[in-house]
Amino acid sequence: MAHYAVTKNGEHDPGCRYDFKNRAERIILDSRGSVVHVGDMYELIVPSPDKIEPPDRLPSSKPGRPRARLQVSSSTRTLTPALGSAARILRLLRDFDDDPDAANRFRARYAGKKITWPRFCRNMTETTAIASLLPKFADIQHPLAFHGTVGTIDTIGSGDTYQLSNDHHTGLVDHAGRQRRIRVVVRSKNPDTFTHVQPGDRWLGFGHWNLWTADRAPIAELKLWIDGPWSLATWHD
């Protein structure tokens, strides 16, 4: 792994963003038990997306907004611990230019199974490859983390479904003997889910992604349904 901004004695200055070990240990301290150090690996404990709980609410004697279980320092919104930790890991790796050696120091654990970080956490630019692999994910039986850049935020149907999508089509997918353009969408029935999200923000969500390919639709969708704002991490680079 490359070493950045070290002093003459080979040590990082206090607070250096390129001090990998210190930042990884900080992620553990802030993880509320969702990240552990196993040997030379940092392991994210991934909960079932179907059993993610919303944030704790304040006691009735202290009215106000829901209390955070965990707040990512880059976000004004509250997240479940594993998602907040995944966002911190992703930001760390981006600071290291997504160096493969750095990524290989992390992995996810889901239902007792170890998953390499590149297999668990994928970029929106990989949409076409991921769409072709989704049938196999059903056999693998682990959720997929996906991240990208917010394009648009709007409502669909009768206005009671809210969605975030990329503002361009990320590739082509083969279906029923023809190629279709494909885009990424995150949807929710909760009107508060995307309240603080802006176009251009970075986002991260994980769960059971589905490929939607209606026979007559010209565009296929790689989509994820989430329950609320605690299920999506967003930040500014």
Protein backbone atom coordinates (compact mmCIF):
# COMPACT_ATOMS: atom_id res chain seq x y z
CA MET A 1 0.00 0.00 0.00
CA ALA A 2 1.31 3.44 -0.87
CA HIS A 3 2.39 5.76 1.97
CA TYR A 4 1.30 9.39 1.82
CA ALA A 5 2.52 12.51 3.62
CA VAL A 6 4.89 10.91 6.12
CA THR A 7 7.48 12.88 8.09
CA LYS A 8 11.23 12.34 7.83
CA ASN A 9 11.12 9.64 10.50
CA GLY A 10 8.52 7.70 8.52
CA GLU A 11 5.61 8.62 10.80
CA HIS A 12 2.44 10.53 9.87
CA ASP A 13 1.73 13.92 11.39
CA PRO A 14 -1.05 13.88 14.01
CA GLY A 15 -4.42 13.92 12.28
CA CYS A 16 -2.97 13.13 8.85
CA ARG A 17 -5.75 11.94 6.55
CA TYR A 18 -3.34 9.43 5.00
CA ASP A 19 -2.54 7.69 8.28
CA PHE A 20 -4.34 4.48 7.35
CA LYS A 21 -3.92 2.66 10.65
CA ASN A 22 -5.10 5.59 12.76
CA ARG A 23 -8.13 6.23 10.54
CA ALA A 24 -9.07 2.55 10.47
CA GLU A 25 -8.84 2.37 14.26
CA ARG A 26 -10.97 5.51 14.47
CA ILE A 27 -13.62 3.79 12.34
CA ILE A 28 -13.67 0.93 14.85
CA LEU A 29 -14.05 3.34 17.79
CA ASP A 30 -16.96 5.11 16.10
CA SER A 31 -18.61 1.96 14.76
CA ARG A 32 -20.79 0.98 17.74
CA GLY A 33 -19.53 -2.59 17.31
CA SER A 34 -20.16 -2.80 13.57
CA VAL A 35 -16.43 -2.96 12.69
CA VAL A 36 -13.88 -5.25 14.35
CA HIS A 37 -10.14 -5.88 13.89
CA VAL A 38 -9.44 -9.52 12.99
CA GLY A 39 -5.74 -10.25 12.48
CA ASP A 40 -4.58 -7.74 9.87
CA MET A 41 -8.13 -7.26 8.52
CA TYR A 42 -10.87 -4.77 9.39
CA GLU A 43 -14.25 -6.49 9.24
CA LEU A 44 -17.65 -4.84 8.78
CA ILE A 45 -20.46 -6.80 10.42
CA VAL A 46 -23.39 -6.48 8.00
CA PRO A 47 -26.92 -6.89 9.40
CA SER A 48 -29.78 -8.30 7.38
CA PRO A 49 -31.32 -5.44 5.35
CA ASP A 50 -34.72 -6.90 6.21
CA LYS A 51 -34.11 -6.41 9.94
CA ILE A 52 -32.59 -2.92 10.04
CA GLU A 53 -34.25 -0.88 12.78
CA PRO A 54 -35.02 2.85 12.54
CA PRO A 55 -33.17 5.24 14.88
CA ASP A 56 -34.10 5.28 18.56
CA ARG A 57 -36.69 7.89 19.41
CA LEU A 58 -36.25 10.41 22.20
CA PRO A 59 -38.09 9.72 25.46
CA SER A 60 -41.49 11.40 25.65
CA SER A 61 -40.06 13.86 28.20
CA LYS A 62 -37.57 15.08 25.59
CA PRO A 63 -39.55 15.81 22.43
CA GLY A 64 -37.68 16.39 19.22
CA ARG A 65 -36.26 14.59 16.20
CA PRO A 66 -35.29 10.90 16.39
CA ARG A 67 -32.01 10.34 18.22
CA ALA A 68 -29.07 9.01 16.23
CA ARG A 69 -27.76 5.52 16.81
CA LEU A 70 -24.77 6.68 14.80
CA GLN A 71 -24.07 9.80 12.79
CA VAL A 72 -21.56 9.83 9.97
CA SER A 73 -19.40 12.92 10.42
CA SER A 74 -19.97 13.83 6.78
CA SER A 75 -23.76 13.72 7.02
CA THR A 76 -26.40 15.74 8.87
CA ARG A 77 -28.64 12.68 9.06
CA THR A 78 -28.63 9.62 11.30
CA LEU A 79 -27.77 6.15 10.10
CA THR A 80 -27.71 2.58 11.33
CA PRO A 81 -24.20 1.70 12.60
CA ALA A 82 -23.12 -0.67 9.81
CA LEU A 83 -24.12 1.78 7.08
CA GLY A 84 -22.36 4.67 8.81
CA SER A 85 -19.22 2.55 9.14
CA ALA A 86 -19.39 1.48 5.49
CA ALA A 87 -19.56 5.15 4.47
CA ARG A 88 -16.48 5.93 6.57
CA ILE A 89 -14.60 3.03 5.01
CA LEU A 90 -15.58 4.17 1.54
CA ARG A 91 -14.36 7.71 2.21
CA LEU A 92 -11.09 6.41 3.60
CA LEU A 93 -10.51 4.33 0.48
CA ARG A 94 -11.34 7.28 -1.78
CA ASP A 95 -8.65 9.31 0.01
CA PHE A 96 -6.25 6.50 -0.90
CA ASP A 97 -7.37 6.66 -4.55
CA ASP A 98 -9.17 3.31 -4.14
CA ASP A 99 -5.79 1.61 -3.80
CA PRO A 100 -6.38 -2.20 -4.06
CA ASP A 101 -3.99 -2.90 -1.17
CA ALA A 102 -6.01 -0.57 1.05
CA ALA A 103 -9.33 -2.10 -0.06
CA ASN A 104 -7.99 -5.58 0.66
CA ARG A 105 -7.53 -4.65 4.32
CA PHE A 106 -11.33 -4.51 4.64
CA ARG A 107 -13.99 -7.15 4.25
CA ALA A 108 -17.63 -7.66 5.16
CA ARG A 109 -19.15 -10.47 7.19
CA TYR A 110 -22.76 -11.43 6.58
CA ALA A 111 -24.53 -14.39 8.20
CA GLY A 112 -21.14 -15.81 9.16
CA LYS A 113 -19.72 -15.55 5.65
CA LYS A 114 -16.66 -13.43 4.77
CA ILE A 115 -16.99 -11.21 1.69
CA THR A 116 -14.12 -9.28 0.13
CA TRP A 117 -14.64 -5.53 0.09
CA PRO A 118 -14.57 -5.20 -3.74
CA ARG A 119 -17.24 -7.91 -3.94
CA PHE A 120 -19.45 -6.32 -1.27
CA CYS A 121 -19.14 -2.63 -2.15
CA ARG A 122 -19.45 -1.61 -5.80
CA ASN A 123 -19.40 1.67 -7.73
CA MET A 124 -22.31 2.92 -9.82
CA THR A 125 -19.96 2.85 -12.83
CA GLU A 126 -20.13 -0.96 -12.58
CA THR A 127 -23.89 -1.03 -13.17
CA THR A 128 -23.79 -3.17 -16.30
CA ALA A 129 -21.54 -5.80 -14.74
CA ILE A 130 -23.60 -5.89 -11.54
CA ALA A 131 -26.87 -6.25 -13.47
CA SER A 132 -25.47 -9.28 -15.28
CA LEU A 133 -24.42 -10.83 -11.96
CA LEU A 134 -27.63 -10.26 -10.00
CA PRO A 135 -29.10 -13.71 -10.74
CA LYS A 136 -25.96 -15.20 -9.17
CA PHE A 137 -26.31 -12.98 -6.09
CA ALA A 138 -29.51 -14.85 -5.27
CA ASP A 139 -27.38 -17.95 -4.78
CA ILE A 140 -24.65 -16.07 -2.91
CA GLN A 141 -27.29 -14.66 -0.54
CA HIS A 142 -25.55 -11.54 0.68
CA PRO A 143 -26.63 -7.90 0.34
CA LEU A 144 -24.77 -5.58 -1.99
CA ALA A 145 -23.50 -2.10 -1.14
CA PHE A 146 -23.67 0.34 -4.02
CA HIS A 147 -22.43 3.92 -4.21
CA GLY A 148 -22.45 6.77 -6.68
CA THR A 149 -23.42 10.39 -7.29
CA VAL A 150 -26.94 11.76 -6.89
CA GLY A 151 -28.47 12.90 -10.16
CA THR A 152 -32.15 13.69 -9.56
CA ILE A 153 -34.64 13.38 -6.70
CA ASP A 154 -38.31 13.21 -7.56
CA THR A 155 -41.58 11.34 -7.08
CA ILE A 156 -43.19 8.73 -9.27
CA GLY A 157 -46.59 7.09 -9.63
CA SER A 158 -49.26 8.95 -7.70
CA GLY A 159 -46.62 11.01 -5.89
CA ASP A 160 -46.31 8.73 -2.85
CA THR A 161 -43.07 7.05 -3.96
CA TYR A 162 -39.85 8.99 -3.66
CA GLN A 163 -36.74 8.18 -5.64
CA LEU A 164 -33.10 9.08 -6.08
CA SER A 165 -31.49 8.29 -9.39
CA ASN A 166 -28.33 8.93 -11.36
CA ASP A 167 -28.71 11.61 -14.00
CA HIS A 168 -27.36 9.51 -16.85
CA HIS A 169 -27.64 5.98 -18.12
CA THR A 170 -24.65 3.99 -17.01
CA GLY A 171 -24.50 1.35 -19.73
CA LEU A 172 -26.41 -1.37 -21.53
CA VAL A 173 -27.87 -4.65 -20.34
CA ASP A 174 -28.98 -7.63 -22.42
CA HIS A 175 -32.52 -8.82 -21.79
CA ALA A 176 -34.79 -11.02 -23.88
CA GLY A 177 -32.52 -10.77 -26.89
CA ARG A 178 -32.19 -6.99 -26.91
CA GLN A 179 -30.01 -4.37 -25.28
CA ARG A 180 -31.48 -1.70 -23.03
CA ARG A 181 -30.05 1.31 -21.32
CA ILE A 182 -29.84 0.93 -17.55
CA ARG A 183 -29.95 3.36 -14.66
CA VAL A 184 -29.66 3.13 -10.87
CA VAL A 185 -32.56 4.13 -8.61
CA VAL A 186 -33.15 4.10 -4.85
CA ARG A 187 -36.81 4.29 -3.79
CA SER A 188 -38.72 4.78 -0.57
CA LYS A 189 -42.28 5.33 0.62
CA ASN A 190 -40.99 7.55 3.44
CA PRO A 191 -41.25 11.24 2.45
CA ASP A 192 -38.34 12.13 4.77
CA THR A 193 -35.87 9.77 3.09
CA PHE A 194 -34.34 12.24 0.61
CA THR A 195 -35.21 15.53 2.36
CA HIS A 196 -31.59 16.58 2.89
CA VAL A 197 -30.14 15.03 -0.26
CA GLN A 198 -28.94 17.28 -3.07
CA PRO A 199 -27.94 16.56 -6.67
CA GLY A 200 -24.19 16.03 -6.80
CA ASP A 201 -24.00 14.45 -3.33
CA ARG A 202 -22.22 11.16 -2.94
CA TRP A 203 -24.46 8.32 -1.70
CA LEU A 204 -24.14 4.78 -0.35
CA GLY A 205 -26.86 2.23 0.30
CA PHE A 206 -26.92 -1.51 0.80
CA GLY A 207 -29.55 -4.17 0.59
CA HIS A 208 -31.16 -6.54 -1.86
CA TRP A 209 -30.91 -4.87 -5.27
CA ASN A 210 -33.24 -5.93 -8.07
CA LEU A 211 -33.04 -5.64 -11.83
CA TRP A 212 -36.32 -4.36 -13.33
CA THR A 213 -36.80 -5.13 -17.02
CA ALA A 214 -40.39 -4.65 -18.14
CA ASP A 215 -40.96 -6.02 -21.64
CA ARG A 216 -41.88 -2.72 -23.28
CA ALA A 217 -39.74 -0.36 -21.18
CA PRO A 218 -36.78 1.14 -23.09
CA ILE A 219 -34.78 1.59 -19.87
CA ALA A 220 -33.92 -1.12 -17.33
CA GLU A 221 -33.47 -0.22 -13.66
CA LEU A 222 -31.13 -1.49 -11.00
CA LYS A 223 -33.16 -0.55 -7.94
CA LEU A 224 -33.15 -0.69 -4.15
CA TRP A 225 -36.08 -0.05 -1.79
CA ILE A 226 -35.17 1.48 1.58
CA ASP A 227 -37.26 2.32 4.65
CA GLY A 228 -36.04 5.80 5.52
CA PRO A 229 -33.17 8.29 5.86
CA TRP A 230 -31.35 5.99 8.29
CA SER A 231 -30.86 3.55 5.38
CA LEU A 232 -28.93 5.85 3.03
CA ALA A 233 -25.60 7.61 3.60
CA THR A 234 -24.90 10.83 1.70
CA TRP A 235 -22.04 13.33 1.88
CA HIS A 236 -20.15 16.03 -0.02
CA ASP A 237 -16.63 15.31 -1.28
